[in-house]
Amino acid sequence: MFIKFINKIIRVLVIGDVMFFSAFGLIGPIFAIFVTNQIAGATVATVGFATTINLLTRALLQMPVARYIDRHKGEKDDFKFMIAGSTLVSIVPFIYLFINTPMHLFMAQVVLGVGGALANPGWFAIFTRHIDKGKEGTEWTLENVSVGLAAAGTAAIGGVLAQNFGFQNLFLIVGVLSLLGLIIQISLYSTVIEMDHHHDGACNE
């Protein structure tokens, strides 16, 4: 399989991303149904506001985070932000289990937005730094196609799971898959630290 021929860091980042997109792909198409049917007082407008809160929070915070990590050499900061953000994203499905009001939902969406804002710049920085020379288009496309297929493949499955097992069990599954994606990212820790030590040593020579 082609993915075996790309370097470890790119491979792990792609696999971790696939887990996250698979997880949230399960609830993406039916999120509006959950909000309007399961949350007291929620309407279709609530869904719109919830989506806006997530995206707006992410948009406002991402650039300051990106500028911060660009000003700090080495990959430890990139890695820490990626893991911190991914951790926040991973706990959101579990927060959904306890939502009773639209305000609870909006707070969960803020957490989701902050998580994305922290995780994305670090992920992009590490991916860009380690992409194989001469394979930039191929590896970015591999990432895009992989997460697209993951989200597409789980969209229908999410509807079936919600219909047969309920939203509570679905959110548990989403949370577990997200945590697996987080664990996959964390597995890069030793590699990132080794790279930083090598970089520091080279700078001191």
N, C-alpha and C. Protein backbone atom coordinates (compact mmCIF):
# COMPACT_ATOMS: atom_id res chain seq x y z
N MET A 1 0.84 -1.20 0.00
CA MET A 1 0.00 0.00 0.00
C MET A 1 0.88 1.25 0.00
N PHE A 2 0.45 2.29 -0.73
CA PHE A 2 1.28 3.48 -0.90
C PHE A 2 1.71 4.10 0.41
N ILE A 3 0.82 4.11 1.41
CA ILE A 3 1.11 4.80 2.67
C ILE A 3 2.35 4.25 3.36
N LYS A 4 2.74 3.01 3.04
CA LYS A 4 3.93 2.42 3.64
C LYS A 4 5.20 3.12 3.16
N PHE A 5 5.14 3.80 2.03
CA PHE A 5 6.32 4.39 1.43
C PHE A 5 6.52 5.85 1.79
N ILE A 6 5.69 6.39 2.67
CA ILE A 6 5.90 7.74 3.15
C ILE A 6 6.48 7.67 4.56
N ASN A 7 7.10 8.77 4.99
CA ASN A 7 7.80 8.71 6.27
C ASN A 7 6.83 8.56 7.44
N LYS A 8 7.40 8.12 8.57
CA LYS A 8 6.60 7.75 9.73
C LYS A 8 5.74 8.90 10.25
N ILE A 9 6.31 10.10 10.33
CA ILE A 9 5.58 11.22 10.91
C ILE A 9 4.36 11.58 10.07
N ILE A 10 4.53 11.65 8.76
CA ILE A 10 3.39 11.94 7.88
C ILE A 10 2.36 10.83 8.00
N ARG A 11 2.81 9.60 8.02
CA ARG A 11 1.91 8.45 8.10
C ARG A 11 1.08 8.50 9.39
N VAL A 12 1.73 8.78 10.52
CA VAL A 12 1.03 8.82 11.79
C VAL A 12 0.05 9.98 11.84
N LEU A 13 0.45 11.14 11.32
CA LEU A 13 -0.44 12.30 11.30
C LEU A 13 -1.69 12.02 10.47
N VAL A 14 -1.51 11.37 9.34
CA VAL A 14 -2.66 11.06 8.48
C VAL A 14 -3.58 10.05 9.17
N ILE A 15 -3.01 9.01 9.75
CA ILE A 15 -3.84 7.99 10.41
C ILE A 15 -4.59 8.59 11.60
N GLY A 16 -3.91 9.43 12.37
CA GLY A 16 -4.58 10.09 13.49
C GLY A 16 -5.72 10.97 13.02
N ASP A 17 -5.48 11.71 11.94
CA ASP A 17 -6.53 12.58 11.39
C ASP A 17 -7.71 11.76 10.89
N VAL A 18 -7.42 10.62 10.28
CA VAL A 18 -8.50 9.74 9.79
C VAL A 18 -9.38 9.30 10.95
N MET A 19 -8.77 9.01 12.10
CA MET A 19 -9.55 8.60 13.27
C MET A 19 -10.48 9.72 13.73
N PHE A 20 -9.96 10.95 13.77
CA PHE A 20 -10.78 12.09 14.19
C PHE A 20 -11.92 12.34 13.21
N PHE A 21 -11.62 12.32 11.92
CA PHE A 21 -12.66 12.58 10.93
C PHE A 21 -13.67 11.44 10.88
N SER A 22 -13.21 10.22 11.12
CA SER A 22 -14.14 9.09 11.19
C SER A 22 -15.08 9.27 12.37
N ALA A 23 -14.52 9.70 13.50
CA ALA A 23 -15.32 9.89 14.70
C ALA A 23 -16.41 10.94 14.49
N PHE A 24 -16.00 12.12 14.07
CA PHE A 24 -16.98 13.21 13.93
C PHE A 24 -17.82 13.07 12.67
N GLY A 25 -17.35 12.24 11.73
CA GLY A 25 -18.18 11.93 10.57
C GLY A 25 -19.43 11.16 10.95
N LEU A 26 -19.33 10.42 12.08
CA LEU A 26 -20.48 9.65 12.55
C LEU A 26 -21.65 10.55 12.96
N ILE A 27 -21.33 11.75 13.47
CA ILE A 27 -22.41 12.62 13.97
C ILE A 27 -22.67 13.82 13.07
N GLY A 28 -21.77 14.09 12.13
CA GLY A 28 -21.92 15.28 11.29
C GLY A 28 -23.28 15.42 10.63
N PRO A 29 -23.72 14.42 9.86
CA PRO A 29 -24.99 14.57 9.13
C PRO A 29 -26.24 14.55 10.01
N ILE A 30 -26.13 14.01 11.21
CA ILE A 30 -27.32 13.89 12.06
C ILE A 30 -27.25 14.78 13.29
N PHE A 31 -26.27 15.68 13.31
CA PHE A 31 -26.09 16.57 14.46
C PHE A 31 -27.33 17.44 14.67
N ALA A 32 -27.90 17.93 13.57
CA ALA A 32 -29.09 18.78 13.68
C ALA A 32 -30.26 18.03 14.29
N ILE A 33 -30.37 16.74 13.96
CA ILE A 33 -31.47 15.93 14.52
C ILE A 33 -31.28 15.77 16.03
N PHE A 34 -30.03 15.54 16.43
CA PHE A 34 -29.74 15.43 17.87
C PHE A 34 -30.14 16.72 18.60
N VAL A 35 -29.74 17.84 18.04
CA VAL A 35 -29.99 19.13 18.70
C VAL A 35 -31.49 19.39 18.83
N THR A 36 -32.21 19.24 17.73
CA THR A 36 -33.63 19.61 17.74
C THR A 36 -34.51 18.59 18.47
N ASN A 37 -34.10 17.34 18.47
CA ASN A 37 -34.93 16.29 19.08
C ASN A 37 -34.57 15.96 20.53
N GLN A 38 -33.31 16.19 20.89
CA GLN A 38 -32.84 15.72 22.19
C GLN A 38 -32.60 16.84 23.21
N ILE A 39 -32.52 18.09 22.76
CA ILE A 39 -32.22 19.20 23.66
C ILE A 39 -33.48 20.06 23.85
N ALA A 40 -33.92 20.17 25.07
CA ALA A 40 -35.14 20.92 25.36
C ALA A 40 -34.99 22.38 24.95
N GLY A 41 -35.96 22.87 24.19
CA GLY A 41 -35.97 24.27 23.79
C GLY A 41 -35.12 24.58 22.57
N ALA A 42 -34.43 23.59 22.01
CA ALA A 42 -33.58 23.83 20.84
C ALA A 42 -34.41 23.83 19.57
N THR A 43 -34.00 24.64 18.62
CA THR A 43 -34.67 24.73 17.33
C THR A 43 -33.62 24.58 16.22
N VAL A 44 -34.08 24.68 14.98
CA VAL A 44 -33.15 24.65 13.85
C VAL A 44 -32.18 25.81 13.95
N ALA A 45 -32.65 26.95 14.44
CA ALA A 45 -31.77 28.11 14.61
C ALA A 45 -30.66 27.81 15.61
N THR A 46 -30.95 27.00 16.61
CA THR A 46 -29.94 26.62 17.60
C THR A 46 -28.78 25.89 16.93
N VAL A 47 -29.11 25.05 15.96
CA VAL A 47 -28.07 24.32 15.22
C VAL A 47 -27.15 25.30 14.51
N GLY A 48 -27.75 26.30 13.88
CA GLY A 48 -26.96 27.31 13.18
C GLY A 48 -26.04 28.08 14.11
N PHE A 49 -26.58 28.50 15.25
CA PHE A 49 -25.77 29.23 16.22
C PHE A 49 -24.64 28.35 16.76
N ALA A 50 -24.94 27.08 17.00
CA ALA A 50 -23.92 26.16 17.53
C ALA A 50 -22.77 26.01 16.54
N THR A 51 -23.11 25.86 15.27
CA THR A 51 -22.08 25.73 14.24
C THR A 51 -21.25 27.00 14.12
N THR A 52 -21.93 28.14 14.16
CA THR A 52 -21.23 29.43 14.08
C THR A 52 -20.28 29.62 15.25
N ILE A 53 -20.70 29.26 16.45
CA ILE A 53 -19.86 29.41 17.64
C ILE A 53 -18.59 28.59 17.50
N ASN A 54 -18.71 27.36 17.03
CA ASN A 54 -17.55 26.51 16.83
C ASN A 54 -16.59 27.12 15.82
N LEU A 55 -17.10 27.46 14.65
CA LEU A 55 -16.24 27.96 13.57
C LEU A 55 -15.66 29.32 13.88
N LEU A 56 -16.45 30.20 14.52
CA LEU A 56 -15.97 31.53 14.84
C LEU A 56 -14.88 31.48 15.91
N THR A 57 -15.08 30.64 16.92
CA THR A 57 -14.06 30.48 17.96
C THR A 57 -12.76 29.99 17.36
N ARG A 58 -12.86 29.00 16.49
CA ARG A 58 -11.66 28.46 15.84
C ARG A 58 -10.98 29.51 14.99
N ALA A 59 -11.76 30.26 14.22
CA ALA A 59 -11.19 31.26 13.32
C ALA A 59 -10.48 32.38 14.08
N LEU A 60 -11.05 32.82 15.19
CA LEU A 60 -10.47 33.92 15.96
C LEU A 60 -9.18 33.53 16.67
N LEU A 61 -9.07 32.28 17.09
CA LEU A 61 -7.93 31.86 17.90
C LEU A 61 -6.79 31.23 17.10
N GLN A 62 -7.09 30.73 15.91
CA GLN A 62 -6.08 29.97 15.18
C GLN A 62 -4.87 30.80 14.80
N MET A 63 -5.08 32.02 14.33
CA MET A 63 -3.95 32.83 13.88
C MET A 63 -2.99 33.20 15.02
N PRO A 64 -3.49 33.64 16.19
CA PRO A 64 -2.56 33.89 17.30
C PRO A 64 -1.76 32.66 17.70
N VAL A 65 -2.40 31.49 17.68
CA VAL A 65 -1.69 30.25 18.01
C VAL A 65 -0.62 29.97 16.95
N ALA A 66 -0.98 30.13 15.69
CA ALA A 66 -0.03 29.88 14.60
C ALA A 66 1.17 30.82 14.69
N ARG A 67 0.92 32.09 14.98
CA ARG A 67 2.02 33.05 15.10
C ARG A 67 2.92 32.71 16.28
N TYR A 68 2.32 32.25 17.36
CA TYR A 68 3.10 31.87 18.54
C TYR A 68 4.04 30.72 18.23
N ILE A 69 3.52 29.66 17.62
CA ILE A 69 4.37 28.50 17.37
C ILE A 69 5.43 28.80 16.31
N ASP A 70 5.14 29.73 15.38
CA ASP A 70 6.14 30.09 14.39
C ASP A 70 7.29 30.87 15.01
N ARG A 71 7.01 31.59 16.09
CA ARG A 71 8.06 32.38 16.75
C ARG A 71 8.94 31.52 17.65
N HIS A 72 8.53 30.30 17.95
CA HIS A 72 9.30 29.42 18.82
C HIS A 72 9.87 28.26 18.02
N LYS A 73 11.19 28.19 17.99
CA LYS A 73 11.86 27.18 17.19
C LYS A 73 11.66 25.78 17.80
N GLY A 74 11.84 24.79 16.96
CA GLY A 74 11.67 23.41 17.42
C GLY A 74 10.22 22.96 17.30
N GLU A 75 10.02 21.68 17.55
CA GLU A 75 8.69 21.10 17.35
C GLU A 75 7.94 20.81 18.63
N LYS A 76 8.59 20.98 19.78
CA LYS A 76 7.91 20.65 21.03
C LYS A 76 6.67 21.51 21.23
N ASP A 77 6.77 22.80 20.92
CA ASP A 77 5.60 23.67 21.06
C ASP A 77 4.50 23.27 20.08
N ASP A 78 4.88 22.96 18.85
CA ASP A 78 3.89 22.51 17.86
C ASP A 78 3.17 21.27 18.37
N PHE A 79 3.97 20.34 18.89
CA PHE A 79 3.41 19.08 19.38
C PHE A 79 2.49 19.30 20.57
N LYS A 80 2.93 20.15 21.51
CA LYS A 80 2.11 20.40 22.70
C LYS A 80 0.77 21.03 22.35
N PHE A 81 0.78 22.00 21.44
CA PHE A 81 -0.47 22.63 21.03
C PHE A 81 -1.37 21.62 20.32
N MET A 82 -0.78 20.80 19.46
CA MET A 82 -1.57 19.79 18.75
C MET A 82 -2.24 18.83 19.72
N ILE A 83 -1.49 18.36 20.71
CA ILE A 83 -2.03 17.40 21.67
C ILE A 83 -3.06 18.06 22.58
N ALA A 84 -2.77 19.28 23.02
CA ALA A 84 -3.73 19.99 23.88
C ALA A 84 -5.05 20.20 23.15
N GLY A 85 -4.96 20.64 21.90
CA GLY A 85 -6.18 20.86 21.12
C GLY A 85 -6.92 19.57 20.83
N SER A 86 -6.19 18.54 20.48
CA SER A 86 -6.82 17.25 20.18
C SER A 86 -7.49 16.67 21.42
N THR A 87 -6.91 16.93 22.58
CA THR A 87 -7.51 16.46 23.83
C THR A 87 -8.86 17.14 24.06
N LEU A 88 -8.91 18.45 23.84
CA LEU A 88 -10.18 19.17 23.99
C LEU A 88 -11.22 18.65 23.00
N VAL A 89 -10.80 18.45 21.76
CA VAL A 89 -11.73 17.93 20.74
C VAL A 89 -12.24 16.56 21.15
N SER A 90 -11.37 15.73 21.73
CA SER A 90 -11.74 14.36 22.09
C SER A 90 -12.75 14.29 23.22
N ILE A 91 -12.74 15.30 24.10
CA ILE A 91 -13.69 15.24 25.23
C ILE A 91 -15.06 15.80 24.88
N VAL A 92 -15.17 16.50 23.75
CA VAL A 92 -16.46 17.09 23.38
C VAL A 92 -17.57 16.05 23.20
N PRO A 93 -17.32 14.91 22.53
CA PRO A 93 -18.39 13.90 22.44
C PRO A 93 -18.90 13.44 23.80
N PHE A 94 -18.02 13.40 24.78
CA PHE A 94 -18.44 13.01 26.13
C PHE A 94 -19.25 14.13 26.79
N ILE A 95 -18.91 15.38 26.46
CA ILE A 95 -19.70 16.51 26.95
C ILE A 95 -21.12 16.44 26.39
N TYR A 96 -21.24 16.05 25.13
CA TYR A 96 -22.56 15.93 24.50
C TYR A 96 -23.49 15.00 25.29
N LEU A 97 -22.92 14.05 26.00
CA LEU A 97 -23.73 13.10 26.77
C LEU A 97 -24.53 13.79 27.87
N PHE A 98 -24.05 14.94 28.31
CA PHE A 98 -24.66 15.60 29.46
C PHE A 98 -25.38 16.90 29.11
N ILE A 99 -25.53 17.17 27.82
CA ILE A 99 -26.17 18.41 27.39
C ILE A 99 -27.69 18.33 27.59
N ASN A 100 -28.22 19.35 28.25
CA ASN A 100 -29.67 19.43 28.48
C ASN A 100 -30.30 20.69 27.93
N THR A 101 -29.50 21.72 27.71
CA THR A 101 -30.04 23.01 27.26
C THR A 101 -29.19 23.54 26.10
N PRO A 102 -29.73 24.47 25.33
CA PRO A 102 -28.94 25.10 24.27
C PRO A 102 -27.66 25.75 24.78
N MET A 103 -27.69 26.32 25.99
CA MET A 103 -26.49 26.95 26.53
C MET A 103 -25.39 25.93 26.77
N HIS A 104 -25.77 24.74 27.24
CA HIS A 104 -24.78 23.67 27.39
C HIS A 104 -24.14 23.35 26.03
N LEU A 105 -24.97 23.30 25.00
CA LEU A 105 -24.48 23.01 23.66
C LEU A 105 -23.50 24.09 23.20
N PHE A 106 -23.86 25.35 23.43
CA PHE A 106 -22.99 26.44 23.00
C PHE A 106 -21.64 26.38 23.71
N MET A 107 -21.66 26.03 24.97
CA MET A 107 -20.40 25.90 25.73
C MET A 107 -19.55 24.76 25.17
N ALA A 108 -20.19 23.66 24.80
CA ALA A 108 -19.47 22.53 24.20
C ALA A 108 -18.84 22.95 22.88
N GLN A 109 -19.56 23.78 22.13
CA GLN A 109 -19.05 24.22 20.83
C GLN A 109 -17.86 25.16 21.00
N VAL A 110 -17.84 25.93 22.07
CA VAL A 110 -16.68 26.77 22.36
C VAL A 110 -15.46 25.88 22.62
N VAL A 111 -15.65 24.83 23.41
CA VAL A 111 -14.56 23.89 23.69
C VAL A 111 -14.06 23.26 22.39
N LEU A 112 -14.99 22.88 21.52
CA LEU A 112 -14.63 22.29 20.24
C LEU A 112 -13.84 23.28 19.38
N GLY A 113 -14.28 24.54 19.37
CA GLY A 113 -13.58 25.56 18.60
C GLY A 113 -12.19 25.84 19.13
N VAL A 114 -12.05 25.93 20.45
CA VAL A 114 -10.74 26.15 21.06
C VAL A 114 -9.82 24.97 20.74
N GLY A 115 -10.37 23.76 20.84
CA GLY A 115 -9.57 22.57 20.53
C GLY A 115 -9.05 22.59 19.11
N GLY A 116 -9.91 22.92 18.17
CA GLY A 116 -9.48 23.00 16.78
C GLY A 116 -8.45 24.08 16.55
N ALA A 117 -8.63 25.23 17.23
CA ALA A 117 -7.70 26.34 17.08
C ALA A 117 -6.32 26.01 17.61
N LEU A 118 -6.26 25.20 18.66
CA LEU A 118 -4.97 24.80 19.22
C LEU A 118 -4.32 23.69 18.39
N ALA A 119 -5.13 22.74 17.96
CA ALA A 119 -4.59 21.55 17.29
C ALA A 119 -4.13 21.81 15.86
N ASN A 120 -4.91 22.57 15.11
CA ASN A 120 -4.65 22.70 13.67
C ASN A 120 -3.30 23.33 13.33
N PRO A 121 -2.92 24.48 13.93
CA PRO A 121 -1.63 25.06 13.55
C PRO A 121 -0.45 24.14 13.85
N GLY A 122 -0.48 23.47 15.01
CA GLY A 122 0.59 22.55 15.33
C GLY A 122 0.65 21.38 14.36
N TRP A 123 -0.51 20.84 14.03
CA TRP A 123 -0.58 19.72 13.08
C TRP A 123 -0.04 20.15 11.73
N PHE A 124 -0.49 21.31 11.25
CA PHE A 124 -0.04 21.81 9.94
C PHE A 124 1.47 22.05 9.94
N ALA A 125 1.99 22.60 11.03
CA ALA A 125 3.42 22.90 11.09
C ALA A 125 4.26 21.63 11.02
N ILE A 126 3.86 20.62 11.79
CA ILE A 126 4.61 19.36 11.80
C ILE A 126 4.50 18.66 10.45
N PHE A 127 3.30 18.63 9.91
CA PHE A 127 3.08 17.97 8.62
C PHE A 127 3.91 18.64 7.53
N THR A 128 3.86 19.97 7.48
CA THR A 128 4.58 20.71 6.45
C THR A 128 6.09 20.52 6.57
N ARG A 129 6.59 20.51 7.81
CA ARG A 129 8.03 20.39 8.04
C ARG A 129 8.55 19.02 7.63
N HIS A 130 7.73 17.99 7.74
CA HIS A 130 8.22 16.63 7.50
C HIS A 130 7.72 16.02 6.20
N ILE A 131 7.01 16.79 5.41
CA ILE A 131 6.51 16.24 4.15
C ILE A 131 7.69 15.85 3.27
N ASP A 132 7.58 14.74 2.58
CA ASP A 132 8.69 14.25 1.75
C ASP A 132 8.90 15.14 0.54
N LYS A 133 10.12 15.58 0.36
CA LYS A 133 10.45 16.47 -0.76
C LYS A 133 10.15 15.77 -2.09
N GLY A 134 9.48 16.48 -2.94
CA GLY A 134 9.11 15.92 -4.24
C GLY A 134 7.78 15.19 -4.22
N LYS A 135 7.20 15.03 -3.01
CA LYS A 135 5.91 14.34 -2.89
C LYS A 135 4.86 15.23 -2.22
N GLU A 136 5.10 16.56 -2.25
CA GLU A 136 4.22 17.48 -1.54
C GLU A 136 2.77 17.35 -1.99
N GLY A 137 2.57 17.39 -3.29
CA GLY A 137 1.21 17.29 -3.81
C GLY A 137 0.57 15.95 -3.48
N THR A 138 1.35 14.89 -3.62
CA THR A 138 0.83 13.55 -3.36
C THR A 138 0.44 13.37 -1.89
N GLU A 139 1.30 13.84 -0.99
CA GLU A 139 1.04 13.59 0.43
C GLU A 139 -0.06 14.50 0.99
N TRP A 140 -0.13 15.74 0.51
CA TRP A 140 -1.26 16.58 0.92
C TRP A 140 -2.57 16.01 0.38
N THR A 141 -2.51 15.48 -0.85
CA THR A 141 -3.71 14.87 -1.43
C THR A 141 -4.08 13.59 -0.70
N LEU A 142 -3.08 12.82 -0.29
CA LEU A 142 -3.33 11.61 0.50
C LEU A 142 -4.08 11.97 1.78
N GLU A 143 -3.63 13.03 2.46
CA GLU A 143 -4.31 13.49 3.66
C GLU A 143 -5.76 13.89 3.36
N ASN A 144 -5.94 14.68 2.31
CA ASN A 144 -7.27 15.17 1.96
C ASN A 144 -8.21 14.05 1.57
N VAL A 145 -7.72 13.14 0.75
CA VAL A 145 -8.55 12.02 0.30
C VAL A 145 -8.87 11.08 1.46
N SER A 146 -7.89 10.83 2.31
CA SER A 146 -8.08 9.91 3.43
C SER A 146 -9.16 10.40 4.39
N VAL A 147 -9.08 11.68 4.79
CA VAL A 147 -10.07 12.19 5.73
C VAL A 147 -11.43 12.35 5.06
N GLY A 148 -11.42 12.63 3.75
CA GLY A 148 -12.69 12.72 3.02
C GLY A 148 -13.39 11.39 2.97
N LEU A 149 -12.64 10.34 2.67
CA LEU A 149 -13.22 8.99 2.63
C LEU A 149 -13.67 8.55 4.02
N ALA A 150 -12.89 8.93 5.04
CA ALA A 150 -13.25 8.57 6.42
C ALA A 150 -14.58 9.19 6.80
N ALA A 151 -14.73 10.49 6.52
CA ALA A 151 -15.97 11.18 6.86
C ALA A 151 -17.14 10.65 6.04
N ALA A 152 -16.90 10.38 4.76
CA ALA A 152 -17.97 9.86 3.90
C ALA A 152 -18.40 8.46 4.34
N GLY A 153 -17.41 7.64 4.68
CA GLY A 153 -17.72 6.27 5.05
C GLY A 153 -18.47 6.13 6.35
N THR A 154 -18.25 7.09 7.26
CA THR A 154 -18.91 6.99 8.56
C THR A 154 -20.23 7.75 8.64
N ALA A 155 -20.51 8.59 7.65
CA ALA A 155 -21.74 9.39 7.69
C ALA A 155 -22.99 8.52 7.76
N ALA A 156 -23.08 7.55 6.86
CA ALA A 156 -24.25 6.67 6.85
C ALA A 156 -24.27 5.76 8.08
N ILE A 157 -23.08 5.33 8.50
CA ILE A 157 -22.99 4.45 9.66
C ILE A 157 -23.51 5.15 10.91
N GLY A 158 -23.19 6.44 11.04
CA GLY A 158 -23.65 7.20 12.20
C GLY A 158 -25.15 7.24 12.31
N GLY A 159 -25.81 7.41 11.18
CA GLY A 159 -27.27 7.42 11.18
C GLY A 159 -27.85 6.09 11.62
N VAL A 160 -27.26 5.01 11.14
CA VAL A 160 -27.73 3.68 11.52
C VAL A 160 -27.52 3.42 13.00
N LEU A 161 -26.34 3.82 13.52
CA LEU A 161 -26.04 3.61 14.93
C LEU A 161 -26.98 4.41 15.82
N ALA A 162 -27.23 5.67 15.44
CA ALA A 162 -28.13 6.51 16.24
C ALA A 162 -29.54 5.94 16.25
N GLN A 163 -29.99 5.45 15.10
CA GLN A 163 -31.34 4.91 15.00
C GLN A 163 -31.51 3.64 15.82
N ASN A 164 -30.48 2.81 15.84
CA ASN A 164 -30.59 1.51 16.50
C ASN A 164 -30.13 1.50 17.96
N PHE A 165 -29.19 2.38 18.29
CA PHE A 165 -28.61 2.33 19.64
C PHE A 165 -28.75 3.64 20.41
N GLY A 166 -29.24 4.69 19.76
CA GLY A 166 -29.44 5.96 20.44
C GLY A 166 -28.23 6.87 20.38
N PHE A 167 -28.46 8.15 20.61
CA PHE A 167 -27.38 9.13 20.53
C PHE A 167 -26.35 8.95 21.64
N GLN A 168 -26.78 8.51 22.80
CA GLN A 168 -25.84 8.36 23.92
C GLN A 168 -24.73 7.37 23.56
N ASN A 169 -25.13 6.21 23.05
CA ASN A 169 -24.13 5.20 22.66
C ASN A 169 -23.30 5.68 21.48
N LEU A 170 -23.92 6.43 20.58
CA LEU A 170 -23.19 6.96 19.43
C LEU A 170 -22.08 7.92 19.90
N PHE A 171 -22.41 8.79 20.84
CA PHE A 171 -21.41 9.73 21.33
C PHE A 171 -20.27 9.01 22.05
N LEU A 172 -20.58 7.92 22.73
CA LEU A 172 -19.52 7.12 23.37
C LEU A 172 -18.56 6.57 22.31
N ILE A 173 -19.12 6.08 21.22
CA ILE A 173 -18.30 5.54 20.13
C ILE A 173 -17.44 6.65 19.53
N VAL A 174 -18.05 7.82 19.30
CA VAL A 174 -17.31 8.97 18.75
C VAL A 174 -16.17 9.36 19.69
N GLY A 175 -16.46 9.39 20.99
CA GLY A 175 -15.45 9.74 21.96
C GLY A 175 -14.29 8.76 21.97
N VAL A 176 -14.60 7.48 21.91
CA VAL A 176 -13.55 6.46 21.91
C VAL A 176 -12.68 6.57 20.65
N LEU A 177 -13.30 6.76 19.49
CA LEU A 177 -12.53 6.91 18.25
C LEU A 177 -11.65 8.15 18.30
N SER A 178 -12.18 9.24 18.88
CA SER A 178 -11.39 10.46 19.02
C SER A 178 -10.18 10.24 19.92
N LEU A 179 -10.40 9.51 21.01
CA LEU A 179 -9.29 9.21 21.92
C LEU A 179 -8.23 8.35 21.24
N LEU A 180 -8.66 7.44 20.37
CA LEU A 180 -7.70 6.63 19.60
C LEU A 180 -6.86 7.53 18.69
N GLY A 181 -7.52 8.51 18.06
CA GLY A 181 -6.79 9.47 17.24
C GLY A 181 -5.78 10.24 18.07
N LEU A 182 -6.17 10.63 19.28
CA LEU A 182 -5.27 11.34 20.19
C LEU A 182 -4.07 10.47 20.57
N ILE A 183 -4.33 9.21 20.89
CA ILE A 183 -3.25 8.28 21.27
C ILE A 183 -2.27 8.10 20.11
N ILE A 184 -2.80 8.03 18.90
CA ILE A 184 -1.94 7.90 17.72
C ILE A 184 -1.03 9.12 17.59
N GLN A 185 -1.58 10.31 17.83
CA GLN A 185 -0.76 11.52 17.78
C GLN A 185 0.30 11.52 18.87
N ILE A 186 -0.09 11.11 20.08
CA ILE A 186 0.85 11.09 21.20
C ILE A 186 2.02 10.16 20.93
N SER A 187 1.80 9.13 20.10
CA SER A 187 2.87 8.17 19.79
C SER A 187 4.05 8.84 19.08
N LEU A 188 3.84 10.05 18.58
CA LEU A 188 4.92 10.77 17.92
C LEU A 188 5.85 11.47 18.89
N TYR A 189 5.51 11.45 20.18
CA TYR A 189 6.26 12.24 21.17
C TYR A 189 7.76 11.96 21.13
N SER A 190 8.14 10.71 21.20
CA SER A 190 9.57 10.37 21.25
C SER A 190 10.28 10.82 19.98
N THR A 191 9.60 10.71 18.85
CA THR A 191 10.19 11.13 17.58
C THR A 191 10.40 12.63 17.55
N VAL A 192 9.39 13.38 18.03
CA VAL A 192 9.49 14.84 18.05
C VAL A 192 10.61 15.30 18.98
N ILE A 193 10.70 14.69 20.17
CA ILE A 193 11.75 15.06 21.12
C ILE A 193 13.12 14.76 20.53
N GLU A 194 13.25 13.61 19.88
CA GLU A 194 14.52 13.24 19.25
C GLU A 194 14.90 14.24 18.17
N MET A 195 13.92 14.65 17.38
CA MET A 195 14.17 15.63 16.32
C MET A 195 14.64 16.95 16.93
N ASP A 196 14.00 17.38 18.02
CA ASP A 196 14.37 18.63 18.67
C ASP A 196 15.78 18.57 19.24
N HIS A 197 16.14 17.44 19.85
CA HIS A 197 17.48 17.29 20.40
C HIS A 197 18.52 17.33 19.28
N HIS A 198 18.20 16.69 18.16
CA HIS A 198 19.10 16.70 17.01
C HIS A 198 19.27 18.12 16.48
N HIS A 199 18.14 18.85 16.41
CA HIS A 199 18.17 20.23 15.92
C HIS A 199 18.99 21.12 16.85
N ASP A 200 18.78 20.96 18.17
CA ASP A 200 19.52 21.76 19.15
C ASP A 200 21.01 21.46 19.09
N GLY A 201 21.34 20.17 18.92
CA GLY A 201 22.74 19.78 18.82
C GLY A 201 23.42 20.37 17.60
N ALA A 202 22.69 20.39 16.47
CA ALA A 202 23.23 20.94 15.24
C ALA A 202 23.46 22.45 15.37
N CYS A 203 22.56 23.12 16.10
CA CYS A 203 22.68 24.56 16.27
C CYS A 203 23.85 24.92 17.17
N ASN A 204 24.21 24.01 18.07
CA ASN A 204 25.28 24.28 19.03
C ASN A 204 26.68 23.94 18.48
N GLU A 205 26.70 23.27 17.33
CA GLU A 205 27.99 22.89 16.78
C GLU A 205 28.68 24.09 16.14
